[in-house]
């Protein structure tokens, strides 16, 4: 089965693809930060044992570092054009 890709993505340079992946990782980092805030601001009365199992702070840090690294790596090639 043939996959359909948009033309701008099919012919994108390696730097553009790195920038897209970096942006996706930064979006994931923002989602992890929101979820971590949500967990810390939850109501402490009720069910204290239902905190969750995802280490949102670690997910935020890993995604943020990877996303920033990919964007920094793609900047020189994107600035050249």
PDB file of N, CA and C in Angstrom:
ATOM      1  N   UNK A   1       0.844  -1.179   0.000  1.00  0.00           N
ATOM      2  CA  UNK A   1       0.000   0.000   0.000  1.00  0.00           C
ATOM      3  C   UNK A   1       0.889   1.241   0.000  1.00  0.00           C
ATOM      4  N   UNK A   2       0.564   2.181  -0.827  1.00  0.00           N
ATOM      5  CA  UNK A   2       1.362   3.383  -0.976  1.00  0.00           C
ATOM      6  C   UNK A   2       0.906   4.451   0.013  1.00  0.00           C
ATOM      7  N   UNK A   3       1.863   5.015   0.728  1.00  0.00           N
ATOM      8  CA  UNK A   3       1.536   6.080   1.682  1.00  0.00           C
ATOM      9  C   UNK A   3       1.508   7.416   0.969  1.00  0.00           C
ATOM     10  N   UNK A   4       0.631   8.272   1.394  1.00  0.00           N
ATOM     11  CA  UNK A   4       0.496   9.593   0.786  1.00  0.00           C
ATOM     12  C   UNK A   4       1.184  10.603   1.690  1.00  0.00           C
ATOM     13  N   UNK A   5       2.149  11.327   1.123  1.00  0.00           N
ATOM     14  CA  UNK A   5       2.859  12.373   1.853  1.00  0.00           C
ATOM     15  C   UNK A   5       2.690  13.680   1.105  1.00  0.00           C
ATOM     16  N   UNK A   6       2.580  14.782   1.845  1.00  0.00           N
ATOM     17  CA  UNK A   6       2.509  16.072   1.156  1.00  0.00           C
ATOM     18  C   UNK A   6       3.842  16.375   0.464  1.00  0.00           C
ATOM     19  N   UNK A   7       3.770  17.143  -0.620  1.00  0.00           N
ATOM     20  CA  UNK A   7       4.959  17.443  -1.403  1.00  0.00           C
ATOM     21  C   UNK A   7       6.028  18.188  -0.625  1.00  0.00           C
ATOM     22  N   UNK A   8       5.627  19.114   0.266  1.00  0.00           N
ATOM     23  CA  UNK A   8       6.617  19.879   1.015  1.00  0.00           C
ATOM     24  C   UNK A   8       7.369  18.985   1.994  1.00  0.00           C
ATOM     25  N   UNK A   9       6.745  17.926   2.478  1.00  0.00           N
ATOM     26  CA  UNK A   9       7.421  17.014   3.390  1.00  0.00           C
ATOM     27  C   UNK A   9       8.268  16.005   2.627  1.00  0.00           C
ATOM     28  N   UNK A  10       7.816  15.612   1.465  1.00  0.00           N
ATOM     29  CA  UNK A  10       8.544  14.634   0.667  1.00  0.00           C
ATOM     30  C   UNK A  10       9.884  15.182   0.203  1.00  0.00           C
ATOM     31  N   UNK A  11       9.916  16.472  -0.148  1.00  0.00           N
ATOM     32  CA  UNK A  11      11.141  17.077  -0.660  1.00  0.00           C
ATOM     33  C   UNK A  11      11.820  17.987   0.376  1.00  0.00           C
ATOM     34  N   UNK A  12      11.495  17.822   1.648  1.00  0.00           N
ATOM     35  CA  UNK A  12      12.101  18.647   2.697  1.00  0.00           C
ATOM     36  C   UNK A  12      13.552  18.226   2.910  1.00  0.00           C
ATOM     37  N   UNK A  13      14.362  19.205   3.258  1.00  0.00           N
ATOM     38  CA  UNK A  13      15.769  18.905   3.518  1.00  0.00           C
ATOM     39  C   UNK A  13      15.908  18.209   4.873  1.00  0.00           C
ATOM     40  N   UNK A  14      17.100  17.698   5.117  1.00  0.00           N
ATOM     41  CA  UNK A  14      17.357  17.048   6.403  1.00  0.00           C
ATOM     42  C   UNK A  14      17.229  18.046   7.549  1.00  0.00           C
ATOM     43  N   UNK A  15      17.648  19.274   7.321  1.00  0.00           N
ATOM     44  CA  UNK A  15      17.542  20.299   8.360  1.00  0.00           C
ATOM     45  C   UNK A  15      16.075  20.602   8.680  1.00  0.00           C
ATOM     46  N   UNK A  16      15.244  20.652   7.654  1.00  0.00           N
ATOM     47  CA  UNK A  16      13.822  20.904   7.888  1.00  0.00           C
ATOM     48  C   UNK A  16      13.185  19.749   8.656  1.00  0.00           C
ATOM     49  N   UNK A  17      13.563  18.532   8.323  1.00  0.00           N
ATOM     50  CA  UNK A  17      13.030  17.383   9.062  1.00  0.00           C
ATOM     51  C   UNK A  17      13.499  17.387  10.513  1.00  0.00           C
ATOM     52  N   UNK A  18      14.773  17.755  10.741  1.00  0.00           N
ATOM     53  CA  UNK A  18      15.260  17.871  12.118  1.00  0.00           C
ATOM     54  C   UNK A  18      14.491  18.936  12.880  1.00  0.00           C
ATOM     55  N   UNK A  19      14.214  20.050  12.231  1.00  0.00           N
ATOM     56  CA  UNK A  19      13.459  21.116  12.884  1.00  0.00           C
ATOM     57  C   UNK A  19      12.038  20.665  13.210  1.00  0.00           C
ATOM     58  N   UNK A  20      11.423  19.909  12.310  1.00  0.00           N
ATOM     59  CA  UNK A  20      10.069  19.394  12.585  1.00  0.00           C
ATOM     60  C   UNK A  20      10.074  18.430  13.764  1.00  0.00           C
ATOM     61  N   UNK A  21      11.064  17.529  13.793  1.00  0.00           N
ATOM     62  CA  UNK A  21      11.154  16.608  14.924  1.00  0.00           C
ATOM     63  C   UNK A  21      11.444  17.368  16.220  1.00  0.00           C
ATOM     64  N   UNK A  22      12.297  18.378  16.151  1.00  0.00           N
ATOM     65  CA  UNK A  22      12.582  19.188  17.336  1.00  0.00           C
ATOM     66  C   UNK A  22      11.341  19.890  17.850  1.00  0.00           C
ATOM     67  N   UNK A  23      10.552  20.432  16.932  1.00  0.00           N
ATOM     68  CA  UNK A  23       9.297  21.069  17.330  1.00  0.00           C
ATOM     69  C   UNK A  23       8.320  20.081  17.947  1.00  0.00           C
ATOM     70  N   UNK A  24       8.273  18.878  17.398  1.00  0.00           N
ATOM     71  CA  UNK A  24       7.382  17.855  17.956  1.00  0.00           C
ATOM     72  C   UNK A  24       7.815  17.462  19.370  1.00  0.00           C
ATOM     73  N   UNK A  25       9.119  17.356  19.577  1.00  0.00           N
ATOM     74  CA  UNK A  25       9.605  17.041  20.924  1.00  0.00           C
ATOM     75  C   UNK A  25       9.324  18.182  21.896  1.00  0.00           C
ATOM     76  N   UNK A  26       9.419  19.425  21.440  1.00  0.00           N
ATOM     77  CA  UNK A  26       9.116  20.546  22.321  1.00  0.00           C
ATOM     78  C   UNK A  26       7.626  20.606  22.649  1.00  0.00           C
ATOM     79  N   UNK A  27       6.782  20.245  21.706  1.00  0.00           N
ATOM     80  CA  UNK A  27       5.339  20.170  21.993  1.00  0.00           C
ATOM     81  C   UNK A  27       5.068  19.079  23.030  1.00  0.00           C
ATOM     82  N   UNK A  28       5.745  17.940  22.894  1.00  0.00           N
ATOM     83  CA  UNK A  28       5.595  16.869  23.887  1.00  0.00           C
ATOM     84  C   UNK A  28       6.085  17.323  25.252  1.00  0.00           C
ATOM     85  N   UNK A  29       7.151  18.138  25.288  1.00  0.00           N
ATOM     86  CA  UNK A  29       7.657  18.655  26.558  1.00  0.00           C
ATOM     87  C   UNK A  29       6.639  19.588  27.205  1.00  0.00           C
ATOM     88  N   UNK A  30       5.973  20.415  26.409  1.00  0.00           N
ATOM     89  CA  UNK A  30       4.952  21.314  26.952  1.00  0.00           C
ATOM     90  C   UNK A  30       3.774  20.513  27.492  1.00  0.00           C
ATOM     91  N   UNK A  31       3.371  19.466  26.786  1.00  0.00           N
ATOM     92  CA  UNK A  31       2.282  18.609  27.275  1.00  0.00           C
ATOM     93  C   UNK A  31       2.680  17.945  28.591  1.00  0.00           C
ATOM     94  N   UNK A  32       3.923  17.485  28.687  1.00  0.00           N
ATOM     95  CA  UNK A  32       4.384  16.857  29.926  1.00  0.00           C
ATOM     96  C   UNK A  32       4.413  17.866  31.067  1.00  0.00           C
ATOM     97  N   UNK A  33       4.794  19.116  30.774  1.00  0.00           N
ATOM     98  CA  UNK A  33       4.810  20.135  31.818  1.00  0.00           C
ATOM     99  C   UNK A  33       3.399  20.430  32.318  1.00  0.00           C
ATOM    100  N   UNK A  34       2.440  20.499  31.395  1.00  0.00           N
ATOM    101  CA  UNK A  34       1.052  20.737  31.784  1.00  0.00           C
ATOM    102  C   UNK A  34       0.529  19.581  32.629  1.00  0.00           C
ATOM    103  N   UNK A  35       0.849  18.360  32.242  1.00  0.00           N
ATOM    104  CA  UNK A  35       0.380  17.207  33.005  1.00  0.00           C
ATOM    105  C   UNK A  35       1.035  17.142  34.385  1.00  0.00           C
ATOM    106  N   UNK A  36       2.293  17.547  34.485  1.00  0.00           N
ATOM    107  CA  UNK A  36       2.961  17.570  35.784  1.00  0.00           C
ATOM    108  C   UNK A  36       2.332  18.619  36.694  1.00  0.00           C
ATOM    109  N   UNK A  37       2.033  19.796  36.150  1.00  0.00           N
ATOM    110  CA  UNK A  37       1.352  20.825  36.943  1.00  0.00           C
ATOM    111  C   UNK A  37      -0.022  20.358  37.386  1.00  0.00           C
ATOM    112  N   UNK A  38      -0.707  19.683  36.476  1.00  0.00           N
ATOM    113  CA  UNK A  38      -2.043  19.182  36.801  1.00  0.00           C
ATOM    114  C   UNK A  38      -1.985  18.177  37.950  1.00  0.00           C
ATOM    115  N   UNK A  39      -0.963  17.314  37.929  1.00  0.00           N
ATOM    116  CA  UNK A  39      -0.840  16.327  38.994  1.00  0.00           C
ATOM    117  C   UNK A  39      -0.489  16.987  40.321  1.00  0.00           C
ATOM    118  N   UNK A  40       0.363  18.001  40.284  1.00  0.00           N
ATOM    119  CA  UNK A  40       0.766  18.654  41.530  1.00  0.00           C
ATOM    120  C   UNK A  40      -0.327  19.552  42.104  1.00  0.00           C
ATOM    121  N   UNK A  41      -1.206  20.052  41.270  1.00  0.00           N
ATOM    122  CA  UNK A  41      -2.268  20.935  41.740  1.00  0.00           C
ATOM    123  C   UNK A  41      -3.571  20.209  42.026  1.00  0.00           C
ATOM    124  N   UNK A  42      -3.557  18.908  41.979  1.00  0.00           N
ATOM    125  CA  UNK A  42      -4.807  18.173  42.204  1.00  0.00           C
ATOM    126  C   UNK A  42      -5.243  18.296  43.662  1.00  0.00           C
ATOM    127  N   UNK A  43      -6.481  18.003  43.897  1.00  0.00           N
ATOM    128  CA  UNK A  43      -7.041  18.078  45.236  1.00  0.00           C
ATOM    129  C   UNK A  43      -6.420  16.993  46.105  1.00  0.00           C
ATOM    130  N   UNK A  44      -5.859  17.384  47.224  1.00  0.00           N
ATOM    131  CA  UNK A  44      -5.194  16.417  48.108  1.00  0.00           C
ATOM    132  C   UNK A  44      -6.191  15.616  48.943  1.00  0.00           C
ATOM    133  N   UNK A  45      -7.414  16.056  49.005  1.00  0.00           N
ATOM    134  CA  UNK A  45      -8.433  15.343  49.777  1.00  0.00           C
ATOM    135  C   UNK A  45      -9.094  14.323  48.861  1.00  0.00           C
ATOM    136  N   UNK A  46      -9.291  13.144  49.358  1.00  0.00           N
ATOM    137  CA  UNK A  46      -9.971  12.133  48.561  1.00  0.00           C
ATOM    138  C   UNK A  46      -9.119  10.889  48.430  1.00  0.00           C
ATOM    139  N   UNK A  47      -8.532  10.695  47.278  1.00  0.00           N
ATOM    140  CA  UNK A  47      -7.776   9.477  47.011  1.00  0.00           C
ATOM    141  C   UNK A  47      -6.287   9.807  46.889  1.00  0.00           C
ATOM    142  N   UNK A  48      -5.557   9.777  47.978  1.00  0.00           N
ATOM    143  CA  UNK A  48      -4.132  10.136  47.913  1.00  0.00           C
ATOM    144  C   UNK A  48      -3.266   9.094  47.220  1.00  0.00           C
ATOM    145  N   UNK A  49      -3.771   7.888  47.053  1.00  0.00           N
ATOM    146  CA  UNK A  49      -2.959   6.842  46.440  1.00  0.00           C
ATOM    147  C   UNK A  49      -3.012   6.866  44.914  1.00  0.00           C
ATOM    148  N   UNK A  50      -3.908   7.627  44.352  1.00  0.00           N
ATOM    149  CA  UNK A  50      -4.050   7.652  42.890  1.00  0.00           C
ATOM    150  C   UNK A  50      -3.265   8.828  42.302  1.00  0.00           C
ATOM    151  N   UNK A  51      -1.968   8.789  42.442  1.00  0.00           N
ATOM    152  CA  UNK A  51      -1.116   9.879  41.959  1.00  0.00           C
ATOM    153  C   UNK A  51      -0.786   9.696  40.492  1.00  0.00           C
ATOM    154  N   UNK A  52      -0.558   8.515  40.043  1.00  0.00           N
ATOM    155  CA  UNK A  52      -0.185   8.253  38.657  1.00  0.00           C
ATOM    156  C   UNK A  52       1.167   7.579  38.597  1.00  0.00           C
ATOM    157  N   UNK A  53       1.491   7.055  37.439  1.00  0.00           N
ATOM    158  CA  UNK A  53       2.731   6.302  37.319  1.00  0.00           C
ATOM    159  C   UNK A  53       3.724   6.927  36.346  1.00  0.00           C
ATOM    160  N   UNK A  54       3.318   7.972  35.626  1.00  0.00           N
ATOM    161  CA  UNK A  54       4.202   8.581  34.622  1.00  0.00           C
ATOM    162  C   UNK A  54       5.099   9.625  35.290  1.00  0.00           C
ATOM    163  N   UNK A  55       6.413   9.519  35.118  1.00  0.00           N
ATOM    164  CA  UNK A  55       7.318  10.536  35.668  1.00  0.00           C
ATOM    165  C   UNK A  55       7.338  11.762  34.748  1.00  0.00           C
ATOM    166  N   UNK A  56       6.361  12.663  34.903  1.00  0.00           N
ATOM    167  CA  UNK A  56       6.197  13.776  33.978  1.00  0.00           C
ATOM    168  C   UNK A  56       7.394  14.710  33.958  1.00  0.00           C
ATOM    169  N   UNK A  57       8.039  14.882  35.098  1.00  0.00           N
ATOM    170  CA  UNK A  57       9.203  15.766  35.131  1.00  0.00           C
ATOM    171  C   UNK A  57      10.324  15.203  34.260  1.00  0.00           C
ATOM    172  N   UNK A  58      10.560  13.915  34.345  1.00  0.00           N
ATOM    173  CA  UNK A  58      11.590  13.282  33.521  1.00  0.00           C
ATOM    174  C   UNK A  58      11.211  13.339  32.043  1.00  0.00           C
ATOM    175  N   UNK A  59       9.949  13.109  31.729  1.00  0.00           N
ATOM    176  CA  UNK A  59       9.496  13.189  30.341  1.00  0.00           C
ATOM    177  C   UNK A  59       9.690  14.611  29.812  1.00  0.00           C
ATOM    178  N   UNK A  60       9.378  15.612  30.635  1.00  0.00           N
ATOM    179  CA  UNK A  60       9.562  17.004  30.242  1.00  0.00           C
ATOM    180  C   UNK A  60      11.031  17.314  29.975  1.00  0.00           C
ATOM    181  N   UNK A  61      11.900  16.896  30.865  1.00  0.00           N
ATOM    182  CA  UNK A  61      13.325  17.189  30.691  1.00  0.00           C
ATOM    183  C   UNK A  61      13.908  16.487  29.469  1.00  0.00           C
ATOM    184  N   UNK A  62      13.595  15.219  29.285  1.00  0.00           N
ATOM    185  CA  UNK A  62      14.140  14.469  28.156  1.00  0.00           C
ATOM    186  C   UNK A  62      13.637  15.050  26.832  1.00  0.00           C
ATOM    187  N   UNK A  63      12.336  15.291  26.740  1.00  0.00           N
ATOM    188  CA  UNK A  63      11.782  15.843  25.501  1.00  0.00           C
ATOM    189  C   UNK A  63      12.289  17.260  25.242  1.00  0.00           C
ATOM    190  N   UNK A  64      12.427  18.046  26.293  1.00  0.00           N
ATOM    191  CA  UNK A  64      12.935  19.408  26.119  1.00  0.00           C
ATOM    192  C   UNK A  64      14.368  19.436  25.637  1.00  0.00           C
ATOM    193  N   UNK A  65      15.218  18.597  26.217  1.00  0.00           N
ATOM    194  CA  UNK A  65      16.623  18.565  25.806  1.00  0.00           C
ATOM    195  C   UNK A  65      16.765  18.036  24.381  1.00  0.00           C
ATOM    196  N   UNK A  66      16.050  16.982  24.061  1.00  0.00           N
ATOM    197  CA  UNK A  66      16.130  16.429  22.704  1.00  0.00           C
ATOM    198  C   UNK A  66      15.579  17.434  21.688  1.00  0.00           C
ATOM    199  N   UNK A  67      14.447  18.052  21.990  1.00  0.00           N
ATOM    200  CA  UNK A  67      13.856  19.024  21.072  1.00  0.00           C
ATOM    201  C   UNK A  67      14.748  20.228  20.853  1.00  0.00           C
ATOM    202  N   UNK A  68      15.309  20.767  21.933  1.00  0.00           N
ATOM    203  CA  UNK A  68      16.203  21.918  21.793  1.00  0.00           C
ATOM    204  C   UNK A  68      17.468  21.526  21.039  1.00  0.00           C
ATOM    205  N   UNK A  69      17.995  20.354  21.298  1.00  0.00           N
ATOM    206  CA  UNK A  69      19.188  19.899  20.592  1.00  0.00           C
ATOM    207  C   UNK A  69      18.948  19.738  19.104  1.00  0.00           C
ATOM    208  N   UNK A  70      17.802  19.182  18.736  1.00  0.00           N
ATOM    209  CA  UNK A  70      17.493  19.025  17.318  1.00  0.00           C
ATOM    210  C   UNK A  70      17.300  20.372  16.632  1.00  0.00           C
ATOM    211  N   UNK A  71      16.648  21.304  17.322  1.00  0.00           N
ATOM    212  CA  UNK A  71      16.468  22.622  16.721  1.00  0.00           C
ATOM    213  C   UNK A  71      17.792  23.361  16.569  1.00  0.00           C
ATOM    214  N   UNK A  72      18.656  23.261  17.570  1.00  0.00           N
ATOM    215  CA  UNK A  72      19.966  23.913  17.478  1.00  0.00           C
ATOM    216  C   UNK A  72      20.811  23.270  16.375  1.00  0.00           C
ATOM    217  N   UNK A  73      20.715  21.978  16.224  1.00  0.00           N
ATOM    218  CA  UNK A  73      21.476  21.301  15.181  1.00  0.00           C
ATOM    219  C   UNK A  73      20.985  21.671  13.788  1.00  0.00           C
ATOM    220  N   UNK A  74      19.715  21.980  13.640  1.00  0.00           N
ATOM    221  CA  UNK A  74      19.172  22.289  12.319  1.00  0.00           C
ATOM    222  C   UNK A  74      19.283  23.773  11.968  1.00  0.00           C
ATOM    223  N   UNK A  75      19.552  24.640  12.931  1.00  0.00           N
ATOM    224  CA  UNK A  75      19.572  26.073  12.670  1.00  0.00           C
ATOM    225  C   UNK A  75      20.593  26.516  11.629  1.00  0.00           C
ATOM    226  N   UNK A  76      21.861  26.081  11.694  1.00  0.00           N
ATOM    227  CA  UNK A  76      22.806  26.578  10.683  1.00  0.00           C
ATOM    228  C   UNK A  76      22.398  26.252   9.243  1.00  0.00           C
ATOM    229  N   UNK A  77      21.901  25.064   9.008  1.00  0.00           N
ATOM    230  CA  UNK A  77      21.492  24.701   7.651  1.00  0.00           C
ATOM    231  C   UNK A  77      20.221  25.444   7.230  1.00  0.00           C
ATOM    232  N   UNK A  78      19.326  25.675   8.185  1.00  0.00           N
ATOM    233  CA  UNK A  78      18.103  26.416   7.838  1.00  0.00           C
ATOM    234  C   UNK A  78      18.405  27.885   7.557  1.00  0.00           C
ATOM    235  N   UNK A  79      19.364  28.443   8.257  1.00  0.00           N
ATOM    236  CA  UNK A  79      19.715  29.852   8.040  1.00  0.00           C
ATOM    237  C   UNK A  79      20.440  30.058   6.715  1.00  0.00           C
ATOM    238  N   UNK A  80      21.161  29.041   6.266  1.00  0.00           N
ATOM    239  CA  UNK A  80      21.828  29.125   4.961  1.00  0.00           C
ATOM    240  C   UNK A  80      20.837  29.061   3.820  1.00  0.00           C
ATOM    241  N   UNK A  81      19.736  28.368   4.069  1.00  0.00           N
ATOM    242  CA  UNK A  81      18.708  28.301   3.033  1.00  0.00           C
ATOM    243  C   UNK A  81      18.654  27.057   2.343  1.00  0.00           C
TER     244      UNK A  81
END
